[in-house]
Amino acid sequence: MRRYLLIFCLSLLPLASCDSSKPTAQASPPKQSGSVLRQVTLEKFDEQGRPLWQVQAQEVNYSPDRKTAAIIKPKGNLFQNGQVVLQVEAERGQITNDGRQISLEGKITALDPRNKAVIRGDNLEWLPQQALLTIRDNLVANNATAEVNAKTGRYFTQEQRLELQGAVRVRVKEPAVRLQGRFLQWLIAQEKMMSDRRLQMERYQDQQLLQQIEADQGEYNLKTKVAILQKNIQIKSLEPEAQAVSEQITWNVEEQTILSPSTIKIVQQQLTVTGNQGILNLKNNLANLTGGIQAISAANQSVLFANQLQWNLDSQQVQATGNVTYQQPQPSLKVTGSQANGNLNNNTVIVTSPERGQVVTEIIVEQ
């Protein structure tokens, strides 16, 4: 019996020491043939005796210098602080650097039991001491909330954060949202997706595209269904048809509302409206803007200035209040008051002043 244990320990020398006072790599009784072990269970422990990884394999084949172990059909657990953080399996792999690095290839599946996220790819590298999993080639990850595709990725197991790069595509299940970009981070435990690079978001309903928004950076909360986007924002709504630009918005995807605390410009048909801040309700087709309002009709070059404005995107009717000024070129006139109602595209605007009881009208006569 002692003779068998001695031979067994020597065969596993590249993975761990046979010092019985320290945690060692272990295997179930193998069918041994030279440097090949079959039906093996291998383990690696940290200095505190906690497992770093445990892998079962159909076959383990050592290199001539016995510093590398090639494994066939590996399946096992990756640990962190003694707890399982990933359950992995693949077609083949390698264990190198005294068990401090595991590489897997071919039909890889890694499941994080803490958040039920499944990561798949063609090439995987696990560095247990860094709590880092690197996935290369055809990365696909999903859980009950979303599915992501990317060229490569890194999974930080301690933070439960998946970093994605290269042609990143995200499909959020409910409500139906698509995200695209060159780089994106998925904070799985926090149920957030974020990017500090150009990002595109799309909102679908019954497989029909409703809104599309691009920004230089942003984040999407999968729990609250709210996106916060910043810098060079371009908004395109297909239902209703409208476009807008801003530097900062909060987009409630479920409610289809876009809140801008900074300057926002909205364009629909021949009317362009700009305000210091505003909210665009794409479900009710209403826009409410405040501060420094300027509305310009491309149809007849009429202009409306006000402090507040409500715009019905269906009827094109506007209601303005506060320091109202309306100008039109044909016939050329300028009207000031405290309120205005009407349609700028067809020059049917009524200006009133209920508080002061008077409206000032200037008729401009061309010389």
Protein backbone atom coordinates (compact mmCIF):
# COMPACT_ATOMS: atom_id res chain seq x y z
CA MET A 1 0.00 0.00 0.00
CA ARG A 2 2.81 2.40 0.81
CA ARG A 3 4.46 1.62 -2.50
CA TYR A 4 1.30 2.64 -4.45
CA LEU A 5 1.00 5.99 -2.68
CA LEU A 6 4.64 6.79 -3.38
CA ILE A 7 4.26 6.12 -7.11
CA PHE A 8 1.02 8.11 -7.18
CA CYS A 9 2.58 11.18 -5.55
CA LEU A 10 5.49 11.13 -7.98
CA SER A 11 3.10 11.06 -10.91
CA LEU A 12 1.44 14.26 -9.66
CA LEU A 13 4.62 16.12 -8.82
CA PRO A 14 4.02 18.93 -11.41
CA LEU A 15 0.72 19.86 -9.73
CA ALA A 16 1.58 19.82 -6.02
CA SER A 17 4.05 18.63 -3.44
CA CYS A 18 3.62 15.27 -1.72
CA ASP A 19 4.35 16.84 1.65
CA SER A 20 1.53 15.50 3.82
CA SER A 21 1.60 18.67 5.92
CA LYS A 22 0.37 20.74 2.98
CA PRO A 23 -2.72 20.46 0.72
CA THR A 24 -1.89 18.32 -2.30
CA ALA A 25 -3.31 17.44 -5.67
CA GLN A 26 -5.14 14.13 -5.46
CA ALA A 27 -6.54 11.61 -7.88
CA SER A 28 -8.90 8.69 -7.66
CA PRO A 29 -7.10 5.33 -8.15
CA PRO A 30 -5.86 5.62 -11.73
CA LYS A 31 -5.17 3.14 -14.47
CA GLN A 32 -1.61 4.27 -15.09
CA SER A 33 0.44 3.83 -18.26
CA GLY A 34 3.70 5.76 -18.26
CA SER A 35 2.83 9.48 -18.05
CA VAL A 36 -0.87 8.93 -18.72
CA LEU A 37 -3.57 8.78 -16.06
CA ARG A 38 -7.15 7.84 -16.79
CA GLN A 39 -10.38 8.61 -14.93
CA VAL A 40 -8.62 11.15 -12.71
CA THR A 41 -9.77 13.75 -10.19
CA LEU A 42 -7.23 16.55 -9.66
CA GLU A 43 -7.35 19.24 -6.97
CA LYS A 44 -5.41 22.37 -6.06
CA PHE A 45 -5.49 24.10 -2.67
CA ASP A 46 -4.36 27.48 -1.39
CA GLU A 47 -2.07 28.07 1.60
CA GLN A 48 -5.03 28.00 3.99
CA GLY A 49 -6.07 24.59 2.75
CA ARG A 50 -9.06 25.86 0.81
CA PRO A 51 -9.70 24.42 -2.67
CA LEU A 52 -8.77 26.55 -5.69
CA TRP A 53 -10.05 24.09 -8.26
CA GLN A 54 -11.17 20.51 -8.65
CA VAL A 55 -11.20 18.86 -12.07
CA GLN A 56 -12.28 15.42 -13.19
CA ALA A 57 -10.87 14.20 -16.51
CA GLN A 58 -11.16 11.10 -18.63
CA GLU A 59 -7.43 11.26 -19.29
CA VAL A 60 -4.39 13.23 -18.10
CA ASN A 61 -1.23 13.17 -20.21
CA TYR A 62 1.98 14.75 -18.87
CA SER A 63 4.65 16.39 -21.02
CA PRO A 64 8.16 14.84 -20.98
CA ASP A 65 9.37 17.44 -18.46
CA ARG A 66 6.18 16.81 -16.45
CA LYS A 67 5.47 20.54 -16.11
CA THR A 68 2.32 20.49 -18.24
CA ALA A 69 -0.69 18.22 -17.94
CA ALA A 70 -2.99 17.82 -20.96
CA ILE A 71 -6.50 16.84 -19.89
CA ILE A 72 -9.27 15.23 -21.94
CA LYS A 73 -12.98 15.85 -21.22
CA PRO A 74 -12.37 17.98 -18.12
CA LYS A 75 -15.28 18.76 -15.82
CA GLY A 76 -15.09 20.41 -12.45
CA ASN A 77 -15.40 23.34 -10.08
CA LEU A 78 -13.46 26.57 -9.70
CA PHE A 79 -13.40 28.00 -6.17
CA GLN A 80 -12.97 31.34 -4.50
CA ASN A 81 -12.54 31.64 -0.73
CA GLY A 82 -13.54 28.01 -0.52
CA GLN A 83 -16.85 28.54 -2.38
CA VAL A 84 -17.73 27.33 -5.86
CA VAL A 85 -17.87 30.27 -8.27
CA LEU A 86 -17.84 28.38 -11.57
CA GLN A 87 -18.80 24.92 -12.73
CA VAL A 88 -16.93 24.22 -15.96
CA GLU A 89 -16.61 21.56 -18.62
CA ALA A 90 -14.86 21.36 -21.99
CA GLU A 91 -13.50 18.93 -24.56
CA ARG A 92 -9.84 19.32 -23.60
CA GLY A 93 -7.42 21.53 -21.72
CA GLN A 94 -4.07 22.07 -20.01
CA ILE A 95 -2.93 22.59 -16.44
CA THR A 96 0.31 24.56 -16.17
CA ASN A 97 2.44 26.59 -13.76
CA ASP A 98 1.98 24.22 -10.82
CA GLY A 99 -1.79 24.42 -11.16
CA ARG A 100 -1.92 28.21 -11.11
CA GLN A 101 -3.33 28.30 -14.64
CA ILE A 102 -5.96 26.19 -16.36
CA SER A 103 -6.69 26.50 -20.08
CA LEU A 104 -9.69 24.86 -21.71
CA GLU A 105 -10.70 24.46 -25.37
CA GLY A 106 -13.67 23.24 -27.36
CA LYS A 107 -17.35 23.61 -26.45
CA ILE A 108 -16.65 25.27 -23.13
CA THR A 109 -19.47 25.86 -20.65
CA ALA A 110 -18.98 27.76 -17.38
CA LEU A 111 -21.89 28.23 -14.96
CA ASP A 112 -21.80 30.66 -12.04
CA PRO A 113 -24.21 29.11 -9.50
CA ARG A 114 -24.51 32.42 -7.61
CA ASN A 115 -26.28 34.30 -10.41
CA LYS A 116 -27.14 31.43 -12.82
CA ALA A 117 -25.10 33.04 -15.61
CA VAL A 118 -23.78 30.63 -18.23
CA ILE A 119 -20.67 31.55 -20.23
CA ARG A 120 -19.69 29.70 -23.40
CA GLY A 121 -16.76 30.04 -25.77
CA ASP A 122 -14.06 28.21 -27.72
CA ASN A 123 -11.08 29.09 -25.53
CA LEU A 124 -10.90 29.74 -21.79
CA GLU A 125 -8.14 30.55 -19.30
CA TRP A 126 -8.60 30.48 -15.51
CA LEU A 127 -6.17 32.24 -13.16
CA PRO A 128 -7.44 31.29 -9.68
CA GLN A 129 -5.09 33.57 -7.74
CA GLN A 130 -6.36 36.57 -9.74
CA ALA A 131 -10.01 35.40 -9.68
CA LEU A 132 -10.01 35.99 -13.44
CA LEU A 133 -11.56 33.99 -16.24
CA THR A 134 -10.61 34.98 -19.81
CA ILE A 135 -12.81 33.81 -22.69
CA ARG A 136 -11.70 34.07 -26.32
CA ASP A 137 -13.51 33.38 -29.58
CA ASN A 138 -17.30 33.26 -29.92
CA LEU A 139 -18.23 34.30 -26.42
CA VAL A 140 -21.89 33.81 -25.52
CA ALA A 141 -23.23 34.46 -22.02
CA ASN A 142 -26.77 34.47 -20.70
CA ASN A 143 -29.00 34.24 -17.65
CA ALA A 144 -32.73 34.67 -17.10
CA THR A 145 -32.56 38.40 -17.93
CA ALA A 146 -30.23 38.84 -20.91
CA GLU A 147 -27.97 37.24 -23.49
CA VAL A 148 -24.68 38.73 -24.72
CA ASN A 149 -22.37 37.95 -27.64
CA ALA A 150 -18.83 39.22 -28.09
CA LYS A 151 -15.49 38.32 -29.61
CA THR A 152 -13.67 38.11 -26.27
CA GLY A 153 -14.37 38.71 -22.62
CA ARG A 154 -13.04 38.61 -19.07
CA TYR A 155 -15.07 37.46 -16.09
CA PHE A 156 -13.99 38.82 -12.70
CA THR A 157 -15.47 36.21 -10.40
CA GLN A 158 -15.12 38.19 -7.16
CA GLU A 159 -17.10 41.12 -8.57
CA GLN A 160 -19.33 38.95 -10.78
CA ARG A 161 -18.47 41.35 -13.59
CA LEU A 162 -18.25 40.29 -17.24
CA GLU A 163 -16.17 42.59 -19.45
CA LEU A 164 -16.98 42.24 -23.16
CA GLN A 165 -15.00 43.44 -26.19
CA GLY A 166 -15.33 43.28 -29.97
CA ALA A 167 -18.69 43.44 -31.75
CA VAL A 168 -20.66 43.29 -28.52
CA ARG A 169 -24.37 42.53 -28.92
CA VAL A 170 -26.85 42.31 -26.06
CA ARG A 171 -30.42 41.08 -26.08
CA VAL A 172 -32.49 41.95 -23.02
CA LYS A 173 -35.60 39.85 -22.78
CA GLU A 174 -38.22 42.03 -21.07
CA PRO A 175 -38.84 44.67 -22.19
CA ALA A 176 -37.17 43.83 -25.49
CA VAL A 177 -33.99 45.92 -25.67
CA ARG A 178 -30.89 45.53 -27.84
CA LEU A 179 -27.47 47.03 -27.06
CA GLN A 180 -24.49 47.22 -29.41
CA GLY A 181 -20.98 48.57 -29.07
CA ARG A 182 -17.26 47.82 -29.06
CA PHE A 183 -17.02 47.49 -25.27
CA LEU A 184 -19.49 46.77 -22.50
CA GLN A 185 -19.48 45.61 -18.89
CA TRP A 186 -22.19 43.41 -17.42
CA LEU A 187 -22.41 43.68 -13.63
CA ILE A 188 -24.41 40.50 -13.28
CA ALA A 189 -25.08 40.60 -9.53
CA GLN A 190 -26.04 44.29 -9.68
CA GLU A 191 -28.19 43.75 -12.79
CA LYS A 192 -26.53 46.57 -14.71
CA MET A 193 -24.86 47.00 -18.10
CA MET A 194 -22.55 49.93 -18.73
CA SER A 195 -20.07 51.31 -21.24
CA ASP A 196 -17.74 54.29 -21.41
CA ARG A 197 -17.59 54.07 -25.22
CA ARG A 198 -20.02 54.68 -28.06
CA LEU A 199 -23.15 52.66 -27.40
CA GLN A 200 -26.38 52.03 -29.27
CA MET A 201 -29.65 51.03 -27.59
CA GLU A 202 -32.85 49.93 -29.30
CA ARG A 203 -36.33 49.36 -27.91
CA TYR A 204 -38.61 46.80 -29.58
CA GLN A 205 -42.24 45.85 -29.16
CA ASP A 206 -43.77 42.87 -30.94
CA GLN A 207 -40.49 42.65 -32.93
CA GLN A 208 -41.00 46.21 -34.20
CA LEU A 209 -38.33 48.83 -33.59
CA LEU A 210 -39.76 51.76 -31.62
CA GLN A 211 -36.77 53.84 -30.52
CA GLN A 212 -33.05 53.93 -31.19
CA ILE A 213 -30.59 55.95 -29.09
CA GLU A 214 -26.81 56.39 -29.42
CA ALA A 215 -24.46 57.98 -26.89
CA ASP A 216 -20.76 58.14 -26.04
CA GLN A 217 -21.36 56.43 -22.71
CA GLY A 218 -24.19 55.04 -20.67
CA GLU A 219 -25.59 52.41 -18.36
CA TYR A 220 -28.77 50.35 -18.30
CA ASN A 221 -30.37 49.05 -15.12
CA LEU A 222 -31.95 45.70 -15.93
CA LYS A 223 -34.05 45.81 -12.76
CA THR A 224 -35.54 49.31 -13.01
CA LYS A 225 -35.56 49.34 -16.87
CA VAL A 226 -33.92 52.79 -16.83
CA ALA A 227 -30.96 53.91 -18.95
CA ILE A 228 -28.72 56.90 -18.19
CA LEU A 229 -26.90 58.13 -21.28
CA GLN A 230 -24.37 60.94 -21.72
CA LYS A 231 -22.52 62.92 -24.39
CA ASN A 232 -23.41 63.35 -28.06
CA ILE A 233 -26.78 61.67 -27.68
CA GLN A 234 -28.80 61.03 -30.82
CA ILE A 235 -32.41 59.92 -30.39
CA LYS A 236 -34.50 58.43 -33.16
CA SER A 237 -38.11 57.44 -32.62
CA LEU A 238 -39.96 55.52 -35.29
CA GLU A 239 -43.28 55.48 -33.48
CA PRO A 240 -44.00 58.37 -33.32
CA GLU A 241 -41.52 59.67 -35.90
CA ALA A 242 -39.19 62.17 -34.25
CA GLN A 243 -35.50 62.90 -33.71
CA ALA A 244 -33.72 64.61 -30.85
CA VAL A 245 -30.24 65.46 -29.59
CA SER A 246 -28.98 66.14 -26.07
CA GLU A 247 -25.93 65.75 -23.83
CA GLN A 248 -27.59 63.87 -20.98
CA ILE A 249 -30.81 61.90 -20.70
CA THR A 250 -32.59 59.42 -18.46
CA TRP A 251 -34.56 56.96 -20.55
CA ASN A 252 -37.30 54.98 -18.86
CA VAL A 253 -37.53 52.17 -21.38
CA GLU A 254 -40.69 50.61 -19.98
CA GLU A 255 -42.57 53.93 -19.74
CA GLN A 256 -41.02 55.23 -22.99
CA THR A 257 -40.11 58.57 -21.45
CA ILE A 258 -36.91 60.52 -22.10
CA LEU A 259 -35.91 63.12 -19.51
CA SER A 260 -33.18 65.62 -20.36
CA PRO A 261 -31.84 67.88 -17.56
CA SER A 262 -29.75 69.75 -20.13
CA THR A 263 -30.47 71.37 -23.50
CA ILE A 264 -32.56 69.19 -25.78
CA LYS A 265 -33.53 69.74 -29.41
CA ILE A 266 -36.48 67.82 -30.88
CA VAL A 267 -37.26 67.65 -34.60
CA GLN A 268 -40.46 66.31 -36.10
CA GLN A 269 -41.62 66.88 -39.65
CA GLN A 270 -40.97 70.61 -40.24
CA LEU A 271 -40.90 71.76 -36.63
CA THR A 272 -37.77 72.08 -34.48
CA VAL A 273 -38.13 72.82 -30.77
CA THR A 274 -35.25 73.56 -28.39
CA GLY A 275 -35.36 74.01 -24.62
CA ASN A 276 -32.96 74.18 -21.69
CA GLN A 277 -34.47 70.95 -20.39
CA GLY A 278 -37.44 68.76 -21.14
CA ILE A 279 -39.22 65.44 -21.14
CA LEU A 280 -40.35 63.53 -24.20
CA ASN A 281 -43.16 61.03 -23.66
CA LEU A 282 -43.16 58.69 -26.64
CA LYS A 283 -46.10 56.68 -25.34
CA ASN A 284 -48.42 59.73 -25.19
CA ASN A 285 -46.64 61.58 -28.01
CA LEU A 286 -46.12 64.69 -25.91
CA ALA A 287 -43.06 66.87 -25.34
CA ASN A 288 -42.77 69.29 -22.42
CA LEU A 289 -39.85 71.74 -22.45
CA THR A 290 -38.84 74.51 -20.09
CA GLY A 291 -36.39 77.41 -20.18
CA GLY A 292 -35.26 79.32 -23.26
CA ILE A 293 -37.82 77.74 -25.59
CA GLN A 294 -37.36 78.30 -29.30
CA ALA A 295 -39.69 76.67 -31.81
CA ILE A 296 -39.01 77.12 -35.53
CA SER A 297 -41.20 76.02 -38.43
CA ALA A 298 -39.32 75.17 -41.60
CA ALA A 299 -42.61 75.38 -43.51
CA ASN A 300 -42.99 79.16 -43.17
CA GLN A 301 -40.04 80.33 -41.04
CA SER A 302 -42.31 81.29 -38.14
CA VAL A 303 -40.67 81.37 -34.69
CA LEU A 304 -42.05 81.08 -31.17
CA PHE A 305 -40.15 82.00 -27.99
CA ALA A 306 -41.40 81.13 -24.48
CA ASN A 307 -40.47 79.93 -21.01
CA GLN A 308 -42.50 76.70 -21.16
CA LEU A 309 -43.98 74.75 -24.03
CA GLN A 310 -46.08 71.62 -24.50
CA TRP A 311 -46.03 70.05 -27.94
CA ASN A 312 -48.41 67.38 -29.20
CA LEU A 313 -46.43 65.38 -31.74
CA ASP A 314 -49.60 63.91 -33.27
CA SER A 315 -51.54 67.12 -33.94
CA GLN A 316 -48.51 69.47 -34.06
CA GLN A 317 -50.37 71.78 -31.66
CA VAL A 318 -48.28 73.80 -29.21
CA GLN A 319 -49.18 75.50 -25.95
CA ALA A 320 -46.65 78.03 -24.71
CA THR A 321 -46.52 80.14 -21.53
CA GLY A 322 -44.25 82.80 -20.07
CA ASN A 323 -42.76 85.71 -22.03
CA VAL A 324 -44.23 84.53 -25.30
CA THR A 325 -43.07 86.03 -28.56
CA TYR A 326 -44.38 84.90 -31.93
CA GLN A 327 -42.90 86.02 -35.24
CA GLN A 328 -43.75 85.20 -38.83
CA PRO A 329 -42.44 86.55 -42.13
CA GLN A 330 -45.60 86.38 -44.28
CA PRO A 331 -47.33 88.61 -43.44
CA SER A 332 -44.50 90.04 -41.43
CA LEU A 333 -45.50 90.57 -37.78
CA LYS A 334 -44.38 90.11 -34.20
CA VAL A 335 -46.74 89.41 -31.28
CA THR A 336 -45.87 89.29 -27.57
CA GLY A 337 -47.95 88.05 -24.65
CA SER A 338 -47.99 85.53 -21.83
CA GLN A 339 -49.63 82.56 -23.59
CA ALA A 340 -49.87 81.08 -27.08
CA ASN A 341 -51.79 78.23 -28.67
CA GLY A 342 -51.80 76.94 -32.20
CA ASN A 343 -49.91 75.33 -35.04
CA LEU A 344 -46.71 76.99 -36.24
CA ASN A 345 -46.57 75.10 -39.53
CA ASN A 346 -49.77 76.71 -40.83
CA ASN A 347 -49.48 80.12 -39.09
CA THR A 348 -52.51 79.55 -36.83
CA VAL A 349 -51.13 80.80 -33.51
CA ILE A 350 -53.20 82.79 -31.01
CA VAL A 351 -51.27 84.87 -28.47
CA THR A 352 -53.05 86.07 -25.30
CA SER A 353 -52.27 87.76 -21.98
CA PRO A 354 -55.02 86.90 -19.46
CA GLU A 355 -53.07 88.40 -16.53
CA ARG A 356 -52.27 91.74 -18.15
CA GLY A 357 -55.22 91.90 -20.44
CA GLN A 358 -53.23 93.08 -23.39
CA VAL A 359 -51.24 91.75 -26.31
CA VAL A 360 -48.65 93.75 -28.19
CA THR A 361 -48.60 93.30 -31.95
CA GLU A 362 -46.00 94.71 -34.25
CA ILE A 363 -46.66 94.75 -37.96
CA ILE A 364 -43.38 94.95 -39.81
CA VAL A 365 -43.60 96.82 -43.08
CA GLU A 366 -40.81 96.17 -45.52
CA GLN A 367 -39.18 99.34 -46.92
